[in-house]
Amino acid sequence: MGPSIKFTRVPETTQGNPDKLDIIQGNVEGARQGQQIVLYAKRGEWWLQPLSTAPFTPISADSSWINSTRLGSEYAALLVEPTYRPQPTMKALPTPGNDVVAVATSKDFLSASQISTTLKFSGYEWRVRNAPSSRGDRVNPYSTANAWTDNDGALHLRVAKESDKWTCAEVTLTRSFGYGLYSFEVRDTSNLGLRDVFSMFTWDYAGGDALQPGVAPTANHREMAIEIGHRGDPNSTNGLYVVQPFYVAANVAKFSVPAGQVTHSFRWEPGKLTFRTVSGSATLSEHVFTSGVPAPGLETVRMALYIFGNTDDSAEKGTEVVIEKFQYLP
């Protein structure tokens, strides 16, 4: 048998919500070096995903792949050679041959379909993470039980124990906005545990490091972040503004987050990123980045409360962060 593609996660099938984003993922057997995945979602015709300017999904060393997609009535994955040139739309899928190595559709893997858990907050729909993540220099499990909204509409994220294991929380906006002002009104975070980090950030699966024929690579997944927490060091500053990669000193600005409710924000403009933290009308911190600022792609806003570092202290307790409001302004 030749190479084959398998879906391990497929979004819901629908003709509605043309702007909604979800995760699609799978793995490949028998792929050769240089081969990549090309994704399509069917909305009448087959539409290239996630963007015509980012048409290739890289295959990881463990043969898995993952990306964002807009929703459709059906999904398809093509294993292709580096010389393949995807069409933005197609009336019918290609058959294996020449530069197309293998083709799979979601209809063949209905058992892989995982309907995402979502919640409504600040007038938007957010996807609740239920898969592990290595954010925090460790593999953290995530639970959908750790994210909810209360009767007043505030969003709660927590770190809590489930079956003797600490689990974390993350929510992802199911829309991509691009340039504009993003703000997060957050209650007191001075009670965070020493190992706990609360992050407000952007992430783009399609903005990875893989070289794409004819397209300049966008590294670091268009990640821009406001992070709160001591990261295990009680003497460290508890706030960071970051434009990835973090190991470039000019891409990180430290600041102190006091007790009490504050509003964190960033204004994203071409070649400029302005972070600000305010309390009422008082500006507590501000920093402007003009180097390494990415252009928009298919990034989405996320909020995560996670554990940093590989040490587990039996004295640690659960933590909760409450976000009163999220707002986006073009």
C-alpha atoms as a PDB file:
ATOM      1  CA  MET A   1       0.000   0.000   0.000  1.00  0.00           C
ATOM      2  CA  GLY A   2       1.076   3.564  -0.669  1.00  0.00           C
ATOM      3  CA  PRO A   3       0.970   6.575   1.651  1.00  0.00           C
ATOM      4  CA  SER A   4      -2.351   7.336   3.335  1.00  0.00           C
ATOM      5  CA  ILE A   5      -4.018  10.138   5.309  1.00  0.00           C
ATOM      6  CA  LYS A   6      -6.145   9.741   8.414  1.00  0.00           C
ATOM      7  CA  PHE A   7      -8.249  12.388  10.149  1.00  0.00           C
ATOM      8  CA  THR A   8      -8.115  12.422  13.951  1.00  0.00           C
ATOM      9  CA  ARG A   9     -10.207  15.580  14.433  1.00  0.00           C
ATOM     10  CA  VAL A  10     -12.800  17.000  12.051  1.00  0.00           C
ATOM     11  CA  PRO A  11     -14.921  20.116  12.712  1.00  0.00           C
ATOM     12  CA  GLU A  12     -18.682  20.135  12.531  1.00  0.00           C
ATOM     13  CA  THR A  13     -20.207  20.025   9.041  1.00  0.00           C
ATOM     14  CA  THR A  14     -22.308  23.039   8.136  1.00  0.00           C
ATOM     15  CA  GLN A  15     -23.065  25.519   5.393  1.00  0.00           C
ATOM     16  CA  GLY A  16     -23.549  28.337   7.904  1.00  0.00           C
ATOM     17  CA  ASN A  17     -21.024  30.424   9.827  1.00  0.00           C
ATOM     18  CA  PRO A  18     -18.720  31.254   6.891  1.00  0.00           C
ATOM     19  CA  ASP A  19     -16.326  33.186   9.163  1.00  0.00           C
ATOM     20  CA  LYS A  20     -16.109  30.596  11.946  1.00  0.00           C
ATOM     21  CA  LEU A  21     -12.771  28.821  12.451  1.00  0.00           C
ATOM     22  CA  ASP A  22     -12.132  25.413  13.972  1.00  0.00           C
ATOM     23  CA  ILE A  23      -9.327  22.864  14.208  1.00  0.00           C
ATOM     24  CA  ILE A  24      -8.725  20.015  11.778  1.00  0.00           C
ATOM     25  CA  GLN A  25      -5.976  17.467  12.314  1.00  0.00           C
ATOM     26  CA  GLY A  26      -4.747  14.005  11.455  1.00  0.00           C
ATOM     27  CA  ASN A  27      -1.705  11.956  10.589  1.00  0.00           C
ATOM     28  CA  VAL A  28      -0.020  10.438   7.554  1.00  0.00           C
ATOM     29  CA  GLU A  29       1.474   7.016   6.956  1.00  0.00           C
ATOM     30  CA  GLY A  30       4.289   6.650   4.481  1.00  0.00           C
ATOM     31  CA  ALA A  31       4.987  10.327   3.741  1.00  0.00           C
ATOM     32  CA  ARG A  32       8.399  11.274   2.376  1.00  0.00           C
ATOM     33  CA  GLN A  33      10.501  14.268   3.348  1.00  0.00           C
ATOM     34  CA  GLY A  34       9.279  17.457   1.690  1.00  0.00           C
ATOM     35  CA  GLN A  35       5.708  16.285   1.206  1.00  0.00           C
ATOM     36  CA  GLN A  36       2.973  18.377   2.841  1.00  0.00           C
ATOM     37  CA  ILE A  37      -0.769  18.440   3.399  1.00  0.00           C
ATOM     38  CA  VAL A  38      -3.188  20.649   1.476  1.00  0.00           C
ATOM     39  CA  LEU A  39      -6.627  21.162   3.032  1.00  0.00           C
ATOM     40  CA  TYR A  40      -9.992  21.984   1.464  1.00  0.00           C
ATOM     41  CA  ALA A  41     -13.441  22.686   2.892  1.00  0.00           C
ATOM     42  CA  LYS A  42     -16.530  22.228   0.729  1.00  0.00           C
ATOM     43  CA  ARG A  43     -18.979  25.090   0.418  1.00  0.00           C
ATOM     44  CA  GLY A  44     -20.590  24.333  -2.919  1.00  0.00           C
ATOM     45  CA  GLU A  45     -17.097  24.080  -4.407  1.00  0.00           C
ATOM     46  CA  TRP A  46     -13.946  22.979  -2.606  1.00  0.00           C
ATOM     47  CA  TRP A  47     -12.183  25.981  -1.034  1.00  0.00           C
ATOM     48  CA  LEU A  48      -8.475  25.959  -0.135  1.00  0.00           C
ATOM     49  CA  GLN A  49      -7.759  26.172   3.621  1.00  0.00           C
ATOM     50  CA  PRO A  50      -6.794  27.948   5.712  1.00  0.00           C
ATOM     51  CA  LEU A  51      -5.732  30.756   3.316  1.00  0.00           C
ATOM     52  CA  SER A  52      -4.787  30.940  -0.349  1.00  0.00           C
ATOM     53  CA  THR A  53      -1.580  32.663   0.796  1.00  0.00           C
ATOM     54  CA  ALA A  54      -0.836  29.836   3.261  1.00  0.00           C
ATOM     55  CA  PRO A  55      -1.910  26.716   1.364  1.00  0.00           C
ATOM     56  CA  PHE A  56       0.402  24.106   2.895  1.00  0.00           C
ATOM     57  CA  THR A  57       0.096  22.323   6.232  1.00  0.00           C
ATOM     58  CA  PRO A  58       3.418  20.872   7.409  1.00  0.00           C
ATOM     59  CA  ILE A  59       3.760  17.302   8.632  1.00  0.00           C
ATOM     60  CA  SER A  60       5.449  16.991  12.035  1.00  0.00           C
ATOM     61  CA  ALA A  61       8.222  14.534  12.865  1.00  0.00           C
ATOM     62  CA  ASP A  62       5.650  12.212  14.464  1.00  0.00           C
ATOM     63  CA  SER A  63       3.663  12.179  11.168  1.00  0.00           C
ATOM     64  CA  SER A  64       0.840  14.319  12.579  1.00  0.00           C
ATOM     65  CA  TRP A  65      -0.533  17.557  11.129  1.00  0.00           C
ATOM     66  CA  ILE A  66      -2.859  20.271  12.409  1.00  0.00           C
ATOM     67  CA  ASN A  67      -4.287  23.536  11.118  1.00  0.00           C
ATOM     68  CA  SER A  68      -7.262  25.884  11.212  1.00  0.00           C
ATOM     69  CA  THR A  69     -10.091  25.702   8.714  1.00  0.00           C
ATOM     70  CA  ARG A  70     -13.265  27.565   7.951  1.00  0.00           C
ATOM     71  CA  LEU A  71     -16.345  25.396   8.269  1.00  0.00           C
ATOM     72  CA  GLY A  72     -17.892  23.485   5.387  1.00  0.00           C
ATOM     73  CA  SER A  73     -20.181  20.593   4.554  1.00  0.00           C
ATOM     74  CA  GLU A  74     -17.185  18.301   4.035  1.00  0.00           C
ATOM     75  CA  TYR A  75     -13.404  18.398   4.431  1.00  0.00           C
ATOM     76  CA  ALA A  76     -10.537  16.986   2.398  1.00  0.00           C
ATOM     77  CA  ALA A  77      -6.804  16.501   2.884  1.00  0.00           C
ATOM     78  CA  LEU A  78      -4.309  15.971   0.071  1.00  0.00           C
ATOM     79  CA  LEU A  79      -0.779  14.656   0.531  1.00  0.00           C
ATOM     80  CA  VAL A  80       1.275  16.451  -2.110  1.00  0.00           C
ATOM     81  CA  GLU A  81       4.782  16.822  -3.456  1.00  0.00           C
ATOM     82  CA  PRO A  82       6.698  20.101  -2.939  1.00  0.00           C
ATOM     83  CA  THR A  83       6.055  21.024  -6.578  1.00  0.00           C
ATOM     84  CA  TYR A  84       2.249  20.905  -6.228  1.00  0.00           C
ATOM     85  CA  ARG A  85       0.427  24.186  -6.807  1.00  0.00           C
ATOM     86  CA  PRO A  86      -2.976  24.186  -5.062  1.00  0.00           C
ATOM     87  CA  GLN A  87      -5.990  25.744  -6.749  1.00  0.00           C
ATOM     88  CA  PRO A  88      -7.938  28.290  -4.639  1.00  0.00           C
ATOM     89  CA  THR A  89     -11.196  26.538  -5.566  1.00  0.00           C
ATOM     90  CA  MET A  90     -12.074  23.263  -7.281  1.00  0.00           C
ATOM     91  CA  LYS A  91     -15.345  21.735  -8.434  1.00  0.00           C
ATOM     92  CA  ALA A  92     -13.981  18.239  -7.772  1.00  0.00           C
ATOM     93  CA  LEU A  93     -11.044  16.844  -5.828  1.00  0.00           C
ATOM     94  CA  PRO A  94      -8.044  15.516  -7.767  1.00  0.00           C
ATOM     95  CA  THR A  95      -7.234  11.822  -7.846  1.00  0.00           C
ATOM     96  CA  PRO A  96      -3.836  10.502  -6.772  1.00  0.00           C
ATOM     97  CA  GLY A  97      -1.213  10.850  -9.465  1.00  0.00           C
ATOM     98  CA  ASN A  98       1.648  13.151 -10.472  1.00  0.00           C
ATOM     99  CA  ASP A  99       2.104  15.652  -7.613  1.00  0.00           C
ATOM    100  CA  VAL A 100      -0.909  14.377  -5.613  1.00  0.00           C
ATOM    101  CA  VAL A 101       0.202  11.398  -3.533  1.00  0.00           C
ATOM    102  CA  ALA A 102      -2.959  10.629  -1.538  1.00  0.00           C
ATOM    103  CA  VAL A 103      -6.454  12.043  -0.946  1.00  0.00           C
ATOM    104  CA  ALA A 104      -8.799  11.610   2.019  1.00  0.00           C
ATOM    105  CA  THR A 105     -12.200  13.112   2.817  1.00  0.00           C
ATOM    106  CA  SER A 106     -13.962  13.537   6.129  1.00  0.00           C
ATOM    107  CA  LYS A 107     -16.812  11.270   4.993  1.00  0.00           C
ATOM    108  CA  ASP A 108     -14.411   8.349   5.318  1.00  0.00           C
ATOM    109  CA  PHE A 109     -13.652   9.190   8.955  1.00  0.00           C
ATOM    110  CA  LEU A 110     -16.920  10.088  10.620  1.00  0.00           C
ATOM    111  CA  SER A 111     -15.742   8.407  13.811  1.00  0.00           C
ATOM    112  CA  ALA A 112     -12.912  10.963  14.043  1.00  0.00           C
ATOM    113  CA  SER A 113     -15.282  13.914  14.189  1.00  0.00           C
ATOM    114  CA  GLN A 114     -15.025  15.883  17.423  1.00  0.00           C
ATOM    115  CA  ILE A 115     -17.542  18.665  17.838  1.00  0.00           C
ATOM    116  CA  SER A 116     -15.779  21.436  19.733  1.00  0.00           C
ATOM    117  CA  THR A 117     -17.090  22.621  23.066  1.00  0.00           C
ATOM    118  CA  THR A 118     -17.812  26.350  22.891  1.00  0.00           C
ATOM    119  CA  LEU A 119     -19.028  29.131  25.154  1.00  0.00           C
ATOM    120  CA  LYS A 120     -20.261  32.689  24.633  1.00  0.00           C
ATOM    121  CA  PHE A 121     -18.346  35.551  26.205  1.00  0.00           C
ATOM    122  CA  SER A 122     -18.475  39.295  25.495  1.00  0.00           C
ATOM    123  CA  GLY A 123     -20.688  38.688  22.472  1.00  0.00           C
ATOM    124  CA  TYR A 124     -18.335  36.199  20.784  1.00  0.00           C
ATOM    125  CA  GLU A 125     -18.069  32.439  20.509  1.00  0.00           C
ATOM    126  CA  TRP A 126     -14.980  30.805  22.025  1.00  0.00           C
ATOM    127  CA  ARG A 127     -13.725  27.248  21.585  1.00  0.00           C
ATOM    128  CA  VAL A 128     -12.718  25.541  24.865  1.00  0.00           C
ATOM    129  CA  ARG A 129      -9.501  23.537  24.724  1.00  0.00           C
ATOM    130  CA  ASN A 130      -9.647  19.844  25.600  1.00  0.00           C
ATOM    131  CA  ALA A 131      -6.291  18.673  24.184  1.00  0.00           C
ATOM    132  CA  PRO A 132      -2.864  18.708  25.895  1.00  0.00           C
ATOM    133  CA  SER A 133      -0.406  21.509  25.183  1.00  0.00           C
ATOM    134  CA  SER A 134       3.322  21.969  25.767  1.00  0.00           C
ATOM    135  CA  ARG A 135       2.909  25.677  26.574  1.00  0.00           C
ATOM    136  CA  GLY A 136       4.716  26.276  29.858  1.00  0.00           C
ATOM    137  CA  ASP A 137       7.769  24.036  29.161  1.00  0.00           C
ATOM    138  CA  ARG A 138       5.736  20.972  30.131  1.00  0.00           C
ATOM    139  CA  VAL A 139       2.856  18.950  28.743  1.00  0.00           C
ATOM    140  CA  ASN A 140      -0.265  20.261  30.459  1.00  0.00           C
ATOM    141  CA  PRO A 141      -3.673  18.550  30.155  1.00  0.00           C
ATOM    142  CA  TYR A 142      -6.691  20.814  29.599  1.00  0.00           C
ATOM    143  CA  SER A 143     -10.278  20.319  30.690  1.00  0.00           C
ATOM    144  CA  THR A 144     -13.433  21.907  29.333  1.00  0.00           C
ATOM    145  CA  ALA A 145     -14.713  21.989  32.937  1.00  0.00           C
ATOM    146  CA  ASN A 146     -12.117  24.681  33.690  1.00  0.00           C
ATOM    147  CA  ALA A 147     -13.743  27.410  31.573  1.00  0.00           C
ATOM    148  CA  TRP A 148     -17.237  28.870  32.060  1.00  0.00           C
ATOM    149  CA  THR A 149     -19.186  32.117  32.283  1.00  0.00           C
ATOM    150  CA  ASP A 150     -21.162  33.206  35.343  1.00  0.00           C
ATOM    151  CA  ASN A 151     -24.593  34.828  35.584  1.00  0.00           C
ATOM    152  CA  ASP A 152     -23.050  38.275  35.097  1.00  0.00           C
ATOM    153  CA  GLY A 153     -21.304  37.182  31.878  1.00  0.00           C
ATOM    154  CA  ALA A 154     -17.757  37.121  33.270  1.00  0.00           C
ATOM    155  CA  LEU A 155     -15.400  34.405  32.028  1.00  0.00           C
ATOM    156  CA  HIS A 156     -13.743  32.126  34.594  1.00  0.00           C
ATOM    157  CA  LEU A 157     -10.586  30.118  33.877  1.00  0.00           C
ATOM    158  CA  ARG A 158      -9.079  27.815  36.460  1.00  0.00           C
ATOM    159  CA  VAL A 159      -6.322  25.338  37.202  1.00  0.00           C
ATOM    160  CA  ALA A 160      -7.850  22.412  39.057  1.00  0.00           C
ATOM    161  CA  LYS A 161      -7.209  18.776  39.897  1.00  0.00           C
ATOM    162  CA  GLU A 162      -9.020  16.035  38.008  1.00  0.00           C
ATOM    163  CA  SER A 163      -8.247  12.404  38.913  1.00  0.00           C
ATOM    164  CA  ASP A 164      -5.154  13.511  40.857  1.00  0.00           C
ATOM    165  CA  LYS A 165      -3.776  15.477  37.882  1.00  0.00           C
ATOM    166  CA  TRP A 166      -3.634  19.236  37.523  1.00  0.00           C
ATOM    167  CA  THR A 167      -5.590  20.434  34.512  1.00  0.00           C
ATOM    168  CA  CYS A 168      -5.504  23.843  32.830  1.00  0.00           C
ATOM    169  CA  ALA A 169      -7.851  26.087  30.840  1.00  0.00           C
ATOM    170  CA  GLU A 170      -7.792  27.806  27.457  1.00  0.00           C
ATOM    171  CA  VAL A 171     -10.370  29.452  25.220  1.00  0.00           C
ATOM    172  CA  THR A 172      -9.943  30.488  21.578  1.00  0.00           C
ATOM    173  CA  LEU A 173     -11.951  33.012  19.627  1.00  0.00           C
ATOM    174  CA  THR A 174     -13.550  31.327  16.603  1.00  0.00           C
ATOM    175  CA  ARG A 175     -12.963  34.403  14.423  1.00  0.00           C
ATOM    176  CA  SER A 176      -9.878  36.169  13.087  1.00  0.00           C
ATOM    177  CA  PHE A 177      -9.790  39.984  13.133  1.00  0.00           C
ATOM    178  CA  GLY A 178      -6.343  41.234  12.065  1.00  0.00           C
ATOM    179  CA  TYR A 179      -5.214  44.767  12.846  1.00  0.00           C
ATOM    180  CA  GLY A 180      -7.029  46.647  15.591  1.00  0.00           C
ATOM    181  CA  LEU A 181      -7.308  47.161  19.336  1.00  0.00           C
ATOM    182  CA  TYR A 182      -7.719  44.126  21.608  1.00  0.00           C
ATOM    183  CA  SER A 183      -8.506  44.672  25.290  1.00  0.00           C
ATOM    184  CA  PHE A 184      -9.034  42.381  28.297  1.00  0.00           C
ATOM    185  CA  GLU A 185     -10.624  43.607  31.524  1.00  0.00           C
ATOM    186  CA  VAL A 186      -9.274  41.286  34.230  1.00  0.00           C
ATOM    187  CA  ARG A 187     -10.008  41.002  37.943  1.00  0.00           C
ATOM    188  CA  ASP A 188      -7.238  40.857  40.528  1.00  0.00           C
ATOM    189  CA  THR A 189      -4.506  38.359  39.494  1.00  0.00           C
ATOM    190  CA  SER A 190      -2.305  38.847  42.571  1.00  0.00           C
ATOM    191  CA  ASN A 191      -3.529  35.480  43.914  1.00  0.00           C
ATOM    192  CA  LEU A 192      -1.900  33.464  41.135  1.00  0.00           C
ATOM    193  CA  GLY A 193       0.201  30.572  42.366  1.00  0.00           C
ATOM    194  CA  LEU A 194       3.961  30.750  41.902  1.00  0.00           C
ATOM    195  CA  ARG A 195       3.816  28.298  38.996  1.00  0.00           C
ATOM    196  CA  ASP A 196       0.637  29.659  37.337  1.00  0.00           C
ATOM    197  CA  VAL A 197       0.640  31.839  34.221  1.00  0.00           C
ATOM    198  CA  PHE A 198      -2.288  33.696  32.694  1.00  0.00           C
ATOM    199  CA  SER A 199      -1.738  34.547  29.037  1.00  0.00           C
ATOM    200  CA  MET A 200      -3.719  36.669  26.569  1.00  0.00           C
ATOM    201  CA  PHE A 201      -2.253  35.975  23.147  1.00  0.00           C
ATOM    202  CA  THR A 202      -2.689  35.417  19.426  1.00  0.00           C
ATOM    203  CA  TRP A 203      -1.830  32.207  17.566  1.00  0.00           C
ATOM    204  CA  ASP A 204      -1.961  31.122  13.938  1.00  0.00           C
ATOM    205  CA  TYR A 205      -1.564  27.468  12.995  1.00  0.00           C
ATOM    206  CA  ALA A 206      -0.921  28.580   9.409  1.00  0.00           C
ATOM    207  CA  GLY A 207       1.872  30.930  10.473  1.00  0.00           C
ATOM    208  CA  GLY A 208       4.497  28.316  11.212  1.00  0.00           C
ATOM    209  CA  ASP A 209       8.096  27.957  10.121  1.00  0.00           C
ATOM    210  CA  ALA A 210       7.530  25.593   7.183  1.00  0.00           C
ATOM    211  CA  LEU A 211       8.716  26.974   3.860  1.00  0.00           C
ATOM    212  CA  GLN A 212       5.958  27.213   1.315  1.00  0.00           C
ATOM    213  CA  PRO A 213       6.723  27.392  -2.421  1.00  0.00           C
ATOM    214  CA  GLY A 214       6.399  30.958  -3.619  1.00  0.00           C
ATOM    215  CA  VAL A 215       5.415  32.304  -0.189  1.00  0.00           C
ATOM    216  CA  ALA A 216       7.707  33.919   2.379  1.00  0.00           C
ATOM    217  CA  PRO A 217       7.579  32.019   5.690  1.00  0.00           C
ATOM    218  CA  THR A 218       5.997  33.651   8.725  1.00  0.00           C
ATOM    219  CA  ALA A 219       7.670  32.245  11.801  1.00  0.00           C
ATOM    220  CA  ASN A 220       6.408  31.980  15.355  1.00  0.00           C
ATOM    221  CA  HIS A 221       2.716  31.576  14.513  1.00  0.00           C
ATOM    222  CA  ARG A 222       2.000  35.327  14.680  1.00  0.00           C
ATOM    223  CA  GLU A 223       2.155  35.072  18.457  1.00  0.00           C
ATOM    224  CA  MET A 224       1.844  38.283  20.478  1.00  0.00           C
ATOM    225  CA  ALA A 225       1.186  37.938  24.189  1.00  0.00           C
ATOM    226  CA  ILE A 226       0.475  39.600  27.512  1.00  0.00           C
ATOM    227  CA  GLU A 227       1.551  37.157  30.234  1.00  0.00           C
ATOM    228  CA  ILE A 228       0.941  37.406  33.974  1.00  0.00           C
ATOM    229  CA  GLY A 229       2.782  35.215  36.496  1.00  0.00           C
ATOM    230  CA  HIS A 230       6.114  34.623  38.226  1.00  0.00           C
ATOM    231  CA  ARG A 231       6.965  31.417  36.312  1.00  0.00           C
ATOM    232  CA  GLY A 232       8.218  29.727  39.458  1.00  0.00           C
ATOM    233  CA  ASP A 233      10.516  32.595  40.500  1.00  0.00           C
ATOM    234  CA  PRO A 234       9.112  34.675  43.377  1.00  0.00           C
ATOM    235  CA  ASN A 235      11.647  37.433  42.668  1.00  0.00           C
ATOM    236  CA  SER A 236      10.718  37.868  39.018  1.00  0.00           C
ATOM    237  CA  THR A 237       8.601  40.646  37.545  1.00  0.00           C
ATOM    238  CA  ASN A 238       5.081  39.298  37.168  1.00  0.00           C
ATOM    239  CA  GLY A 239       4.177  40.814  33.775  1.00  0.00           C
ATOM    240  CA  LEU A 240       5.525  40.390  30.240  1.00  0.00           C
ATOM    241  CA  TYR A 241       4.669  41.897  26.866  1.00  0.00           C
ATOM    242  CA  VAL A 242       6.003  39.572  24.170  1.00  0.00           C
ATOM    243  CA  VAL A 243       6.357  39.393  20.412  1.00  0.00           C
ATOM    244  CA  GLN A 244       7.701  35.981  19.513  1.00  0.00           C
ATOM    245  CA  PRO A 245      10.404  34.761  19.389  1.00  0.00           C
ATOM    246  CA  PHE A 246      10.863  35.493  23.099  1.00  0.00           C
ATOM    247  CA  TYR A 247      14.606  34.668  23.021  1.00  0.00           C
ATOM    248  CA  VAL A 248      15.281  37.945  21.183  1.00  0.00           C
ATOM    249  CA  ALA A 249      15.801  40.391  24.035  1.00  0.00           C
ATOM    250  CA  ALA A 250      14.155  43.275  22.186  1.00  0.00           C
ATOM    251  CA  ASN A 251      10.959  41.212  21.837  1.00  0.00           C
ATOM    252  CA  VAL A 252      10.197  41.127  25.575  1.00  0.00           C
ATOM    253  CA  ALA A 253       9.231  43.994  27.892  1.00  0.00           C
ATOM    254  CA  LYS A 254       8.741  43.351  31.614  1.00  0.00           C
ATOM    255  CA  PHE A 255       6.233  45.195  33.767  1.00  0.00           C
ATOM    256  CA  SER A 256       4.622  44.885  37.204  1.00  0.00           C
ATOM    257  CA  VAL A 257       0.958  44.012  37.655  1.00  0.00           C
ATOM    258  CA  PRO A 258      -0.488  45.338  40.927  1.00  0.00           C
ATOM    259  CA  ALA A 259      -3.359  43.935  42.920  1.00  0.00           C
ATOM    260  CA  GLY A 260      -6.822  44.935  41.789  1.00  0.00           C
ATOM    261  CA  GLN A 261      -8.744  44.991  38.533  1.00  0.00           C
ATOM    262  CA  VAL A 262      -6.834  46.170  35.458  1.00  0.00           C
ATOM    263  CA  THR A 263      -7.315  46.314  31.701  1.00  0.00           C
ATOM    264  CA  HIS A 264      -4.591  44.916  29.444  1.00  0.00           C
ATOM    265  CA  SER A 265      -4.605  45.776  25.750  1.00  0.00           C
ATOM    266  CA  PHE A 266      -2.597  45.801  22.562  1.00  0.00           C
ATOM    267  CA  ARG A 267      -3.118  47.882  19.448  1.00  0.00           C
ATOM    268  CA  TRP A 268      -1.852  46.077  16.348  1.00  0.00           C
ATOM    269  CA  GLU A 269      -0.955  48.237  13.373  1.00  0.00           C
ATOM    270  CA  PRO A 270       1.282  47.705  10.304  1.00  0.00           C
ATOM    271  CA  GLY A 271       4.806  47.502  11.717  1.00  0.00           C
ATOM    272  CA  LYS A 272       3.745  48.657  15.175  1.00  0.00           C
ATOM    273  CA  LEU A 273       2.398  46.956  18.301  1.00  0.00           C
ATOM    274  CA  THR A 274       1.477  48.998  21.376  1.00  0.00           C
ATOM    275  CA  PHE A 275       0.877  47.190  24.672  1.00  0.00           C
ATOM    276  CA  ARG A 276      -0.762  48.981  27.584  1.00  0.00           C
ATOM    277  CA  THR A 277      -2.001  48.153  31.085  1.00  0.00           C
ATOM    278  CA  VAL A 278      -4.311  50.591  32.853  1.00  0.00           C
ATOM    279  CA  SER A 279      -6.244  50.855  36.091  1.00  0.00           C
ATOM    280  CA  GLY A 280      -9.194  53.179  35.728  1.00  0.00           C
ATOM    281  CA  SER A 281      -7.788  56.225  33.930  1.00  0.00           C
ATOM    282  CA  ALA A 282      -4.205  55.625  35.123  1.00  0.00           C
ATOM    283  CA  THR A 283      -1.695  54.010  32.773  1.00  0.00           C
ATOM    284  CA  LEU A 284       0.378  51.503  34.737  1.00  0.00           C
ATOM    285  CA  SER A 285       2.600  50.319  31.915  1.00  0.00           C
ATOM    286  CA  GLU A 286       3.081  50.807  28.179  1.00  0.00           C
ATOM    287  CA  HIS A 287       5.515  49.495  25.578  1.00  0.00           C
ATOM    288  CA  VAL A 288       5.736  49.872  21.804  1.00  0.00           C
ATOM    289  CA  PHE A 289       7.328  47.265  19.509  1.00  0.00           C
ATOM    290  CA  THR A 290       8.294  48.322  15.975  1.00  0.00           C
ATOM    291  CA  SER A 291      10.478  45.353  15.057  1.00  0.00           C
ATOM    292  CA  GLY A 292       9.320  41.810  14.323  1.00  0.00           C
ATOM    293  CA  VAL A 293       5.641  42.789  14.261  1.00  0.00           C
ATOM    294  CA  PRO A 294       3.812  40.248  12.043  1.00  0.00           C
ATOM    295  CA  ALA A 295       1.245  41.031   9.370  1.00  0.00           C
ATOM    296  CA  PRO A 296      -2.227  39.482   9.773  1.00  0.00           C
ATOM    297  CA  GLY A 297      -2.954  35.944   8.658  1.00  0.00           C
ATOM    298  CA  LEU A 298      -5.476  33.624  10.286  1.00  0.00           C
ATOM    299  CA  GLU A 299      -4.474  34.289  13.892  1.00  0.00           C
ATOM    300  CA  THR A 300      -7.046  34.044  16.664  1.00  0.00           C
ATOM    301  CA  VAL A 301      -7.126  35.504  20.164  1.00  0.00           C
ATOM    302  CA  ARG A 302      -6.696  33.069  23.021  1.00  0.00           C
ATOM    303  CA  MET A 303      -6.716  33.223  26.803  1.00  0.00           C
ATOM    304  CA  ALA A 304      -5.002  30.494  28.793  1.00  0.00           C
ATOM    305  CA  LEU A 305      -4.337  29.724  32.446  1.00  0.00           C
ATOM    306  CA  TYR A 306      -1.615  27.114  32.654  1.00  0.00           C
ATOM    307  CA  ILE A 307       1.154  25.650  34.798  1.00  0.00           C
ATOM    308  CA  PHE A 308       4.752  26.630  34.063  1.00  0.00           C
ATOM    309  CA  GLY A 309       7.704  24.316  34.685  1.00  0.00           C
ATOM    310  CA  ASN A 310       8.161  20.635  35.392  1.00  0.00           C
ATOM    311  CA  THR A 311       8.098  20.664  39.178  1.00  0.00           C
ATOM    312  CA  ASP A 312       4.924  19.705  41.030  1.00  0.00           C
ATOM    313  CA  ASP A 313       4.649  20.867  44.629  1.00  0.00           C
ATOM    314  CA  SER A 314       2.096  19.028  46.757  1.00  0.00           C
ATOM    315  CA  ALA A 315       1.429  22.314  48.572  1.00  0.00           C
ATOM    316  CA  GLU A 316       0.179  23.988  45.390  1.00  0.00           C
ATOM    317  CA  LYS A 317      -3.498  24.854  45.195  1.00  0.00           C
ATOM    318  CA  GLY A 318      -5.914  25.512  42.394  1.00  0.00           C
ATOM    319  CA  THR A 319      -6.070  28.974  40.844  1.00  0.00           C
ATOM    320  CA  GLU A 320      -8.790  30.971  39.134  1.00  0.00           C
ATOM    321  CA  VAL A 321      -8.711  34.043  36.886  1.00  0.00           C
ATOM    322  CA  VAL A 322     -11.832  36.072  36.030  1.00  0.00           C
ATOM    323  CA  ILE A 323     -12.063  38.143  32.854  1.00  0.00           C
ATOM    324  CA  GLU A 324     -14.846  40.690  33.004  1.00  0.00           C
ATOM    325  CA  LYS A 325     -14.795  41.729  29.364  1.00  0.00           C
ATOM    326  CA  PHE A 326     -13.039  41.261  26.042  1.00  0.00           C
ATOM    327  CA  GLN A 327     -13.329  43.912  23.358  1.00  0.00           C
ATOM    328  CA  TYR A 328     -12.081  44.308  19.795  1.00  0.00           C
ATOM    329  CA  LEU A 329     -12.150  47.598  17.896  1.00  0.00           C
ATOM    330  CA  PRO A 330     -10.911  47.908  14.286  1.00  0.00           C
END
